[in-house]
Amino acid sequence: MSFNILLRLVIIATSILLAGCSKEPPKCSDESTFSILRSIVLDQIGGRDGLTDVEINRNITFAFARATSFDEKIKKYSCSANMTVGGLYELPIVYESQLDDKNDHIASLGGIKRGDLLQLASALGVAKMNKSARGGSASPQPAEQQTVPLATQPSTTGGSQCFSDVAITKAIGELAAYADVPSSVDCEKQVYGAGKLICQNNTLKLMDSLDTKAYVYALENATKSEVNHAKPPVDSTWITSVRNECKDEACLCAAFKTHTNGSLGANSPYPQ
């Protein structure tokens, strides 16, 4: 099944039906339009899986919604917006809002690729895992850097540990089915910035290896489908906005801890 095609879902909702004399469909920024888009996304990434309507609304949000055109003949808005899922993954989208010949509100969402669907599923999966871990609501958890306890803070001189290499290696071994997933940083190539810090520190290299495998593990479990382990998808938003912003080992240690905990939950070797 090709995922780079127009995804369409027709919703007949009597609560938002317009009168027979209506001339225009709900606009691009109308909440009823967003509600249909959320239903399309959930249908494509495996459903809500225990999340309430309120949690879905909090975890699938839209910004900068605008109309790019309006077809007067068929009463259809063409729209664009930025969609964010789980507070972690943002994606520009194009969609349509119109009325059919029965005056029912219909909407379509187009051009979401398979890789983006996997990222969206992973982001929502993190929200689900956070809800399960807290036993409460699943509010978006933006990626953030957490402070490592002073007792385990590594120095910035290289080679120090922030967590036990033994525990990390054990966790990697428990993900034996993901042994073929390569680390996100290839230390055989020339690397800079955060990548260089990782390659100079064995503990951080282990943490990077575990984090990459854990992300693929969480992704496959969230989507109930396998990905190419040789060229796995990565959490590019987190890598760019969190990991690569680190200037020292302590920051990288905290970043890996938070991200891996989000993928593995209680199975992570790091303190929760």
C-alpha atoms as a PDB file:
ATOM      1  CA  MET A   1       0.000   0.000   0.000  1.00  0.00           C
ATOM      2  CA  SER A   2       1.450   3.368  -0.983  1.00  0.00           C
ATOM      3  CA  PHE A   3       1.371   5.980   1.742  1.00  0.00           C
ATOM      4  CA  ASN A   4       2.304   8.880  -0.524  1.00  0.00           C
ATOM      5  CA  ILE A   5      -1.237   9.199  -1.818  1.00  0.00           C
ATOM      6  CA  LEU A   6      -4.290  11.207  -0.928  1.00  0.00           C
ATOM      7  CA  LEU A   7      -5.758   9.958   2.332  1.00  0.00           C
ATOM      8  CA  ARG A   8      -9.493  10.489   2.508  1.00  0.00           C
ATOM      9  CA  LEU A   9     -12.029  10.060   5.262  1.00  0.00           C
ATOM     10  CA  VAL A  10     -15.633  11.119   5.055  1.00  0.00           C
ATOM     11  CA  ILE A  11     -17.291  12.068   8.321  1.00  0.00           C
ATOM     12  CA  ILE A  12     -21.028  12.487   8.581  1.00  0.00           C
ATOM     13  CA  ALA A  13     -21.594  14.377  11.802  1.00  0.00           C
ATOM     14  CA  THR A  14     -25.106  15.620  12.312  1.00  0.00           C
ATOM     15  CA  SER A  15     -23.943  17.933  15.075  1.00  0.00           C
ATOM     16  CA  ILE A  16     -21.967  20.005  12.594  1.00  0.00           C
ATOM     17  CA  LEU A  17     -24.146  19.697   9.496  1.00  0.00           C
ATOM     18  CA  LEU A  18     -24.992  22.983   7.955  1.00  0.00           C
ATOM     19  CA  ALA A  19     -28.431  23.986   6.805  1.00  0.00           C
ATOM     20  CA  GLY A  20     -29.433  23.091   3.265  1.00  0.00           C
ATOM     21  CA  CYS A  21     -29.084  26.684   2.178  1.00  0.00           C
ATOM     22  CA  SER A  22     -25.451  26.907   3.336  1.00  0.00           C
ATOM     23  CA  LYS A  23     -23.077  28.335   0.768  1.00  0.00           C
ATOM     24  CA  GLU A  24     -19.682  27.491   2.244  1.00  0.00           C
ATOM     25  CA  PRO A  25     -18.076  24.558   4.096  1.00  0.00           C
ATOM     26  CA  PRO A  26     -16.310  24.984   7.459  1.00  0.00           C
ATOM     27  CA  LYS A  27     -13.087  26.920   7.021  1.00  0.00           C
ATOM     28  CA  CYS A  28      -9.534  25.577   7.176  1.00  0.00           C
ATOM     29  CA  SER A  29      -9.120  26.686  10.801  1.00  0.00           C
ATOM     30  CA  ASP A  30     -12.528  25.448  11.948  1.00  0.00           C
ATOM     31  CA  GLU A  31     -12.389  22.945  14.804  1.00  0.00           C
ATOM     32  CA  SER A  32     -14.759  20.614  12.941  1.00  0.00           C
ATOM     33  CA  THR A  33     -12.196  20.445  10.115  1.00  0.00           C
ATOM     34  CA  PHE A  34      -9.393  19.704  12.583  1.00  0.00           C
ATOM     35  CA  SER A  35     -11.531  16.973  14.166  1.00  0.00           C
ATOM     36  CA  ILE A  36     -11.829  15.163  10.831  1.00  0.00           C
ATOM     37  CA  LEU A  37      -8.078  15.539  10.203  1.00  0.00           C
ATOM     38  CA  ARG A  38      -7.348  13.993  13.605  1.00  0.00           C
ATOM     39  CA  SER A  39      -9.579  11.051  12.706  1.00  0.00           C
ATOM     40  CA  ILE A  40      -7.680  10.563   9.448  1.00  0.00           C
ATOM     41  CA  VAL A  41      -4.315  10.611  11.223  1.00  0.00           C
ATOM     42  CA  LEU A  42      -5.455   8.196  13.927  1.00  0.00           C
ATOM     43  CA  ASP A  43      -6.856   5.837  11.298  1.00  0.00           C
ATOM     44  CA  GLN A  44      -3.495   5.770   9.516  1.00  0.00           C
ATOM     45  CA  ILE A  45      -1.243   5.284  12.566  1.00  0.00           C
ATOM     46  CA  GLY A  46      -3.191   2.663  14.445  1.00  0.00           C
ATOM     47  CA  GLY A  47      -5.950   4.365  16.415  1.00  0.00           C
ATOM     48  CA  ARG A  48      -6.237   6.170  19.715  1.00  0.00           C
ATOM     49  CA  ASP A  49      -5.441   3.112  21.895  1.00  0.00           C
ATOM     50  CA  GLY A  50      -6.990   4.347  25.135  1.00  0.00           C
ATOM     51  CA  LEU A  51      -6.493   8.081  24.675  1.00  0.00           C
ATOM     52  CA  THR A  52      -9.509  10.247  25.434  1.00  0.00           C
ATOM     53  CA  ASP A  53     -10.878  12.895  23.068  1.00  0.00           C
ATOM     54  CA  VAL A  54      -9.306  15.598  25.244  1.00  0.00           C
ATOM     55  CA  GLU A  55      -5.907  13.863  25.111  1.00  0.00           C
ATOM     56  CA  ILE A  56      -6.173  13.430  21.346  1.00  0.00           C
ATOM     57  CA  ASN A  57      -6.934  17.128  20.945  1.00  0.00           C
ATOM     58  CA  ARG A  58      -3.930  18.020  23.112  1.00  0.00           C
ATOM     59  CA  ASN A  59      -1.586  15.662  21.287  1.00  0.00           C
ATOM     60  CA  ILE A  60      -2.617  16.417  17.698  1.00  0.00           C
ATOM     61  CA  THR A  61      -2.567  20.166  17.190  1.00  0.00           C
ATOM     62  CA  PHE A  62      -2.577  22.520  14.213  1.00  0.00           C
ATOM     63  CA  ALA A  63      -0.963  25.910  13.713  1.00  0.00           C
ATOM     64  CA  PHE A  64      -0.844  28.523  10.953  1.00  0.00           C
ATOM     65  CA  ALA A  65      -3.936  27.098   9.247  1.00  0.00           C
ATOM     66  CA  ARG A  66      -4.904  29.081   6.176  1.00  0.00           C
ATOM     67  CA  ALA A  67      -6.813  28.764   2.933  1.00  0.00           C
ATOM     68  CA  THR A  68      -4.704  28.607  -0.210  1.00  0.00           C
ATOM     69  CA  SER A  69      -7.729  28.714  -2.519  1.00  0.00           C
ATOM     70  CA  PHE A  70     -11.506  28.367  -2.631  1.00  0.00           C
ATOM     71  CA  ASP A  71     -13.389  26.645  -5.449  1.00  0.00           C
ATOM     72  CA  GLU A  72     -16.718  28.438  -5.687  1.00  0.00           C
ATOM     73  CA  LYS A  73     -18.241  25.846  -8.029  1.00  0.00           C
ATOM     74  CA  ILE A  74     -17.824  22.860  -5.722  1.00  0.00           C
ATOM     75  CA  LYS A  75     -17.604  24.762  -2.432  1.00  0.00           C
ATOM     76  CA  LYS A  76     -14.149  23.523  -1.459  1.00  0.00           C
ATOM     77  CA  TYR A  77     -11.345  25.109   0.548  1.00  0.00           C
ATOM     78  CA  SER A  78      -7.779  24.045  -0.192  1.00  0.00           C
ATOM     79  CA  CYS A  79      -5.707  24.532   2.955  1.00  0.00           C
ATOM     80  CA  SER A  80      -2.270  24.295   4.526  1.00  0.00           C
ATOM     81  CA  ALA A  81      -1.109  24.154   8.152  1.00  0.00           C
ATOM     82  CA  ASN A  82       1.548  22.775  10.468  1.00  0.00           C
ATOM     83  CA  MET A  83       0.491  19.663  12.398  1.00  0.00           C
ATOM     84  CA  THR A  84       2.269  18.670  15.613  1.00  0.00           C
ATOM     85  CA  VAL A  85       1.829  15.269  17.277  1.00  0.00           C
ATOM     86  CA  GLY A  86       2.728  14.541  20.879  1.00  0.00           C
ATOM     87  CA  GLY A  87       4.571  17.840  21.159  1.00  0.00           C
ATOM     88  CA  LEU A  88       7.486  16.063  19.427  1.00  0.00           C
ATOM     89  CA  TYR A  89       6.994  15.899  15.662  1.00  0.00           C
ATOM     90  CA  GLU A  90       5.865  18.766  13.453  1.00  0.00           C
ATOM     91  CA  LEU A  91       4.833  18.294   9.835  1.00  0.00           C
ATOM     92  CA  PRO A  92       3.559  20.731   7.185  1.00  0.00           C
ATOM     93  CA  ILE A  93       0.306  19.416   5.703  1.00  0.00           C
ATOM     94  CA  VAL A  94      -2.132  20.206   2.915  1.00  0.00           C
ATOM     95  CA  TYR A  95      -5.814  19.361   3.189  1.00  0.00           C
ATOM     96  CA  GLU A  96      -9.278  20.192   1.896  1.00  0.00           C
ATOM     97  CA  SER A  97     -12.613  21.064   3.485  1.00  0.00           C
ATOM     98  CA  GLN A  98     -15.877  20.971   1.549  1.00  0.00           C
ATOM     99  CA  LEU A  99     -19.555  20.024   1.502  1.00  0.00           C
ATOM    100  CA  ASP A 100     -20.807  17.074  -0.488  1.00  0.00           C
ATOM    101  CA  ASP A 101     -24.055  17.046  -2.487  1.00  0.00           C
ATOM    102  CA  LYS A 102     -25.962  16.196   0.714  1.00  0.00           C
ATOM    103  CA  ASN A 103     -24.409  19.170   2.494  1.00  0.00           C
ATOM    104  CA  ASP A 104     -22.336  16.915   4.758  1.00  0.00           C
ATOM    105  CA  HIS A 105     -18.922  18.171   5.838  1.00  0.00           C
ATOM    106  CA  ILE A 106     -16.082  16.114   4.328  1.00  0.00           C
ATOM    107  CA  ALA A 107     -12.331  16.630   4.496  1.00  0.00           C
ATOM    108  CA  SER A 108      -9.221  15.031   3.026  1.00  0.00           C
ATOM    109  CA  LEU A 109      -5.558  15.033   4.027  1.00  0.00           C
ATOM    110  CA  GLY A 110      -2.979  14.585   1.306  1.00  0.00           C
ATOM    111  CA  GLY A 111       0.612  13.643   0.676  1.00  0.00           C
ATOM    112  CA  ILE A 112       1.796  12.169   3.983  1.00  0.00           C
ATOM    113  CA  LYS A 113       4.650   9.775   3.288  1.00  0.00           C
ATOM    114  CA  ARG A 114       5.200   6.465   5.074  1.00  0.00           C
ATOM    115  CA  GLY A 115       8.268   7.790   6.903  1.00  0.00           C
ATOM    116  CA  ASP A 116       6.293  10.726   8.253  1.00  0.00           C
ATOM    117  CA  LEU A 117       3.471   8.416   9.362  1.00  0.00           C
ATOM    118  CA  LEU A 118       5.997   6.348  11.304  1.00  0.00           C
ATOM    119  CA  GLN A 119       7.344   9.476  12.971  1.00  0.00           C
ATOM    120  CA  LEU A 120       3.821  10.622  13.851  1.00  0.00           C
ATOM    121  CA  ALA A 121       3.008   7.192  15.258  1.00  0.00           C
ATOM    122  CA  SER A 122       6.173   7.245  17.331  1.00  0.00           C
ATOM    123  CA  ALA A 123       5.403  10.698  18.724  1.00  0.00           C
ATOM    124  CA  LEU A 124       1.894   9.637  19.732  1.00  0.00           C
ATOM    125  CA  GLY A 125       3.301   6.372  21.092  1.00  0.00           C
ATOM    126  CA  VAL A 126       5.549   8.350  23.443  1.00  0.00           C
ATOM    127  CA  ALA A 127       2.481  10.187  24.734  1.00  0.00           C
ATOM    128  CA  LYS A 128       0.756   6.845  25.332  1.00  0.00           C
ATOM    129  CA  MET A 129       3.781   5.455  27.169  1.00  0.00           C
ATOM    130  CA  ASN A 130       4.008   8.605  29.283  1.00  0.00           C
ATOM    131  CA  LYS A 131       0.353   8.191  30.207  1.00  0.00           C
ATOM    132  CA  SER A 132       0.901   4.554  31.171  1.00  0.00           C
ATOM    133  CA  ALA A 133       4.007   5.380  33.196  1.00  0.00           C
ATOM    134  CA  ARG A 134       2.300   8.194  35.087  1.00  0.00           C
ATOM    135  CA  GLY A 135      -1.056   6.483  35.401  1.00  0.00           C
ATOM    136  CA  GLY A 136      -2.615   9.795  34.441  1.00  0.00           C
ATOM    137  CA  SER A 137      -3.308  11.916  31.415  1.00  0.00           C
ATOM    138  CA  ALA A 138      -1.277  11.879  28.234  1.00  0.00           C
ATOM    139  CA  SER A 139      -0.245  15.479  27.774  1.00  0.00           C
ATOM    140  CA  PRO A 140       2.418  16.356  25.191  1.00  0.00           C
ATOM    141  CA  GLN A 141       5.929  16.057  26.569  1.00  0.00           C
ATOM    142  CA  PRO A 142       8.226  18.428  24.639  1.00  0.00           C
ATOM    143  CA  ALA A 143      11.786  17.225  24.320  1.00  0.00           C
ATOM    144  CA  GLU A 144      13.827  18.867  27.029  1.00  0.00           C
ATOM    145  CA  GLN A 145      17.193  18.564  28.664  1.00  0.00           C
ATOM    146  CA  GLN A 146      17.106  17.252  32.212  1.00  0.00           C
ATOM    147  CA  THR A 147      19.774  17.834  34.817  1.00  0.00           C
ATOM    148  CA  VAL A 148      21.937  14.829  35.603  1.00  0.00           C
ATOM    149  CA  PRO A 149      22.474  14.326  39.354  1.00  0.00           C
ATOM    150  CA  LEU A 150      25.846  15.705  40.434  1.00  0.00           C
ATOM    151  CA  ALA A 151      26.934  12.274  41.600  1.00  0.00           C
ATOM    152  CA  THR A 152      26.761  10.986  38.041  1.00  0.00           C
ATOM    153  CA  GLN A 153      27.652  14.100  36.060  1.00  0.00           C
ATOM    154  CA  PRO A 154      30.537  13.448  33.678  1.00  0.00           C
ATOM    155  CA  SER A 155      33.264  15.992  33.235  1.00  0.00           C
ATOM    156  CA  THR A 156      33.826  17.603  29.872  1.00  0.00           C
ATOM    157  CA  THR A 157      37.364  16.262  29.549  1.00  0.00           C
ATOM    158  CA  GLY A 158      36.322  13.065  27.790  1.00  0.00           C
ATOM    159  CA  GLY A 159      36.167   9.398  28.733  1.00  0.00           C
ATOM    160  CA  SER A 160      34.062   9.742  31.885  1.00  0.00           C
ATOM    161  CA  GLN A 161      30.890   7.823  32.694  1.00  0.00           C
ATOM    162  CA  CYS A 162      27.464   9.227  33.472  1.00  0.00           C
ATOM    163  CA  PHE A 163      25.764   5.813  33.716  1.00  0.00           C
ATOM    164  CA  SER A 164      27.003   2.256  34.034  1.00  0.00           C
ATOM    165  CA  ASP A 165      28.419   0.793  30.818  1.00  0.00           C
ATOM    166  CA  VAL A 166      27.442  -2.639  32.113  1.00  0.00           C
ATOM    167  CA  ALA A 167      23.777  -1.691  32.533  1.00  0.00           C
ATOM    168  CA  ILE A 168      23.661  -0.020  29.116  1.00  0.00           C
ATOM    169  CA  THR A 169      25.315  -3.020  27.434  1.00  0.00           C
ATOM    170  CA  LYS A 170      22.817  -5.328  29.124  1.00  0.00           C
ATOM    171  CA  ALA A 171      19.923  -3.231  27.845  1.00  0.00           C
ATOM    172  CA  ILE A 172      21.365  -3.364  24.331  1.00  0.00           C
ATOM    173  CA  GLY A 173      21.586  -7.161  24.630  1.00  0.00           C
ATOM    174  CA  GLU A 174      17.921  -7.323  25.621  1.00  0.00           C
ATOM    175  CA  LEU A 175      17.110  -5.687  22.277  1.00  0.00           C
ATOM    176  CA  ALA A 176      18.741  -8.566  20.401  1.00  0.00           C
ATOM    177  CA  ALA A 177      16.165  -8.366  17.614  1.00  0.00           C
ATOM    178  CA  TYR A 178      17.501  -4.869  16.887  1.00  0.00           C
ATOM    179  CA  ALA A 179      21.194  -5.770  16.830  1.00  0.00           C
ATOM    180  CA  ASP A 180      21.310  -4.866  13.137  1.00  0.00           C
ATOM    181  CA  VAL A 181      20.142  -1.290  13.781  1.00  0.00           C
ATOM    182  CA  PRO A 182      23.203   0.989  13.414  1.00  0.00           C
ATOM    183  CA  SER A 183      23.955   3.849  15.781  1.00  0.00           C
ATOM    184  CA  SER A 184      22.843   7.278  14.668  1.00  0.00           C
ATOM    185  CA  VAL A 185      26.445   8.531  14.694  1.00  0.00           C
ATOM    186  CA  ASP A 186      28.954   6.772  12.410  1.00  0.00           C
ATOM    187  CA  CYS A 187      32.253   7.193  14.180  1.00  0.00           C
ATOM    188  CA  GLU A 188      34.092   5.749  11.163  1.00  0.00           C
ATOM    189  CA  LYS A 189      33.343   9.005   9.374  1.00  0.00           C
ATOM    190  CA  GLN A 190      34.426  12.529  10.193  1.00  0.00           C
ATOM    191  CA  VAL A 191      32.047  13.960  12.776  1.00  0.00           C
ATOM    192  CA  TYR A 192      31.676  17.322  14.428  1.00  0.00           C
ATOM    193  CA  GLY A 193      30.035  18.927  17.447  1.00  0.00           C
ATOM    194  CA  ALA A 194      27.859  16.546  19.457  1.00  0.00           C
ATOM    195  CA  GLY A 195      28.846  13.651  17.175  1.00  0.00           C
ATOM    196  CA  LYS A 196      32.498  14.175  17.995  1.00  0.00           C
ATOM    197  CA  LEU A 197      31.786  14.216  21.720  1.00  0.00           C
ATOM    198  CA  ILE A 198      29.869  10.944  21.373  1.00  0.00           C
ATOM    199  CA  CYS A 199      32.650   9.219  19.430  1.00  0.00           C
ATOM    200  CA  GLN A 200      35.264  10.276  21.987  1.00  0.00           C
ATOM    201  CA  ASN A 201      33.373   8.773  24.923  1.00  0.00           C
ATOM    202  CA  ASN A 202      32.650   5.039  25.107  1.00  0.00           C
ATOM    203  CA  THR A 203      29.686   5.491  27.463  1.00  0.00           C
ATOM    204  CA  LEU A 204      28.056   7.996  25.128  1.00  0.00           C
ATOM    205  CA  LYS A 205      28.663   5.668  22.176  1.00  0.00           C
ATOM    206  CA  LEU A 206      26.838   2.921  24.060  1.00  0.00           C
ATOM    207  CA  MET A 207      24.037   5.319  24.957  1.00  0.00           C
ATOM    208  CA  ASP A 208      23.720   6.349  21.298  1.00  0.00           C
ATOM    209  CA  SER A 209      23.572   2.702  20.221  1.00  0.00           C
ATOM    210  CA  LEU A 210      20.886   1.883  22.788  1.00  0.00           C
ATOM    211  CA  ASP A 211      18.902   5.016  22.013  1.00  0.00           C
ATOM    212  CA  THR A 212      18.767   4.298  18.263  1.00  0.00           C
ATOM    213  CA  LYS A 213      17.676   0.697  18.807  1.00  0.00           C
ATOM    214  CA  ALA A 214      15.145   1.748  21.436  1.00  0.00           C
ATOM    215  CA  TYR A 215      13.614   4.325  19.100  1.00  0.00           C
ATOM    216  CA  VAL A 216      13.136   1.747  16.331  1.00  0.00           C
ATOM    217  CA  TYR A 217      11.720  -0.706  18.888  1.00  0.00           C
ATOM    218  CA  ALA A 218       9.166   1.876  20.093  1.00  0.00           C
ATOM    219  CA  LEU A 219       8.328   2.859  16.517  1.00  0.00           C
ATOM    220  CA  GLU A 220       7.604  -0.696  15.421  1.00  0.00           C
ATOM    221  CA  ASN A 221       5.532  -1.387  18.507  1.00  0.00           C
ATOM    222  CA  ALA A 222       3.519   1.802  18.031  1.00  0.00           C
ATOM    223  CA  THR A 223       2.831   1.175  14.339  1.00  0.00           C
ATOM    224  CA  LYS A 224       2.661  -2.652  14.470  1.00  0.00           C
ATOM    225  CA  SER A 225       4.873  -2.739  11.382  1.00  0.00           C
ATOM    226  CA  GLU A 226       8.558  -3.363  10.659  1.00  0.00           C
ATOM    227  CA  VAL A 227      11.012  -0.822   9.303  1.00  0.00           C
ATOM    228  CA  ASN A 228      14.260  -1.291   7.414  1.00  0.00           C
ATOM    229  CA  HIS A 229      16.786  -1.949  10.188  1.00  0.00           C
ATOM    230  CA  ALA A 230      19.702  -1.252   7.859  1.00  0.00           C
ATOM    231  CA  LYS A 231      18.412   2.282   7.215  1.00  0.00           C
ATOM    232  CA  PRO A 232      16.049   2.943  10.116  1.00  0.00           C
ATOM    233  CA  PRO A 233      14.087   6.154  10.609  1.00  0.00           C
ATOM    234  CA  VAL A 234      15.514   8.469  13.249  1.00  0.00           C
ATOM    235  CA  ASP A 235      13.937  11.095  15.458  1.00  0.00           C
ATOM    236  CA  SER A 236      15.298  13.967  13.382  1.00  0.00           C
ATOM    237  CA  THR A 237      13.446  16.623  15.388  1.00  0.00           C
ATOM    238  CA  TRP A 238      15.027  15.473  18.660  1.00  0.00           C
ATOM    239  CA  ILE A 239      18.465  15.036  17.069  1.00  0.00           C
ATOM    240  CA  THR A 240      18.426  18.533  15.631  1.00  0.00           C
ATOM    241  CA  SER A 241      16.773  20.470  18.437  1.00  0.00           C
ATOM    242  CA  VAL A 242      18.100  18.593  21.482  1.00  0.00           C
ATOM    243  CA  ARG A 243      21.042  16.238  20.937  1.00  0.00           C
ATOM    244  CA  ASN A 244      22.985  18.341  18.445  1.00  0.00           C
ATOM    245  CA  GLU A 245      22.547  21.437  20.612  1.00  0.00           C
ATOM    246  CA  CYS A 246      24.639  19.838  23.364  1.00  0.00           C
ATOM    247  CA  LYS A 247      28.105  21.283  23.901  1.00  0.00           C
ATOM    248  CA  ASP A 248      29.364  18.884  26.586  1.00  0.00           C
ATOM    249  CA  GLU A 249      29.051  15.314  27.774  1.00  0.00           C
ATOM    250  CA  ALA A 250      26.726  16.098  30.684  1.00  0.00           C
ATOM    251  CA  CYS A 251      24.169  17.572  28.309  1.00  0.00           C
ATOM    252  CA  LEU A 252      24.402  14.559  25.973  1.00  0.00           C
ATOM    253  CA  CYS A 253      24.050  12.165  28.880  1.00  0.00           C
ATOM    254  CA  ALA A 254      20.843  13.918  30.002  1.00  0.00           C
ATOM    255  CA  ALA A 255      19.498  14.092  26.449  1.00  0.00           C
ATOM    256  CA  PHE A 256      20.037  10.365  25.792  1.00  0.00           C
ATOM    257  CA  LYS A 257      18.544   9.472  29.179  1.00  0.00           C
ATOM    258  CA  THR A 258      15.331  11.409  28.517  1.00  0.00           C
ATOM    259  CA  HIS A 259      14.929  10.173  24.947  1.00  0.00           C
ATOM    260  CA  THR A 260      15.661   6.511  25.725  1.00  0.00           C
ATOM    261  CA  ASN A 261      13.316   6.591  28.723  1.00  0.00           C
ATOM    262  CA  GLY A 262      10.602   7.837  26.378  1.00  0.00           C
ATOM    263  CA  SER A 263      11.176   4.854  24.058  1.00  0.00           C
ATOM    264  CA  LEU A 264      11.662   2.085  26.639  1.00  0.00           C
ATOM    265  CA  GLY A 265       9.723   3.307  29.655  1.00  0.00           C
ATOM    266  CA  ALA A 266      10.262   1.007  32.629  1.00  0.00           C
ATOM    267  CA  ASN A 267      12.649  -1.179  30.570  1.00  0.00           C
ATOM    268  CA  SER A 268      15.201   1.633  30.323  1.00  0.00           C
ATOM    269  CA  PRO A 269      18.428   1.205  32.335  1.00  0.00           C
ATOM    270  CA  TYR A 270      18.295   4.879  33.347  1.00  0.00           C
ATOM    271  CA  PRO A 271      16.483   6.341  36.388  1.00  0.00           C
ATOM    272  CA  GLN A 272      12.941   7.457  35.557  1.00  0.00           C
END
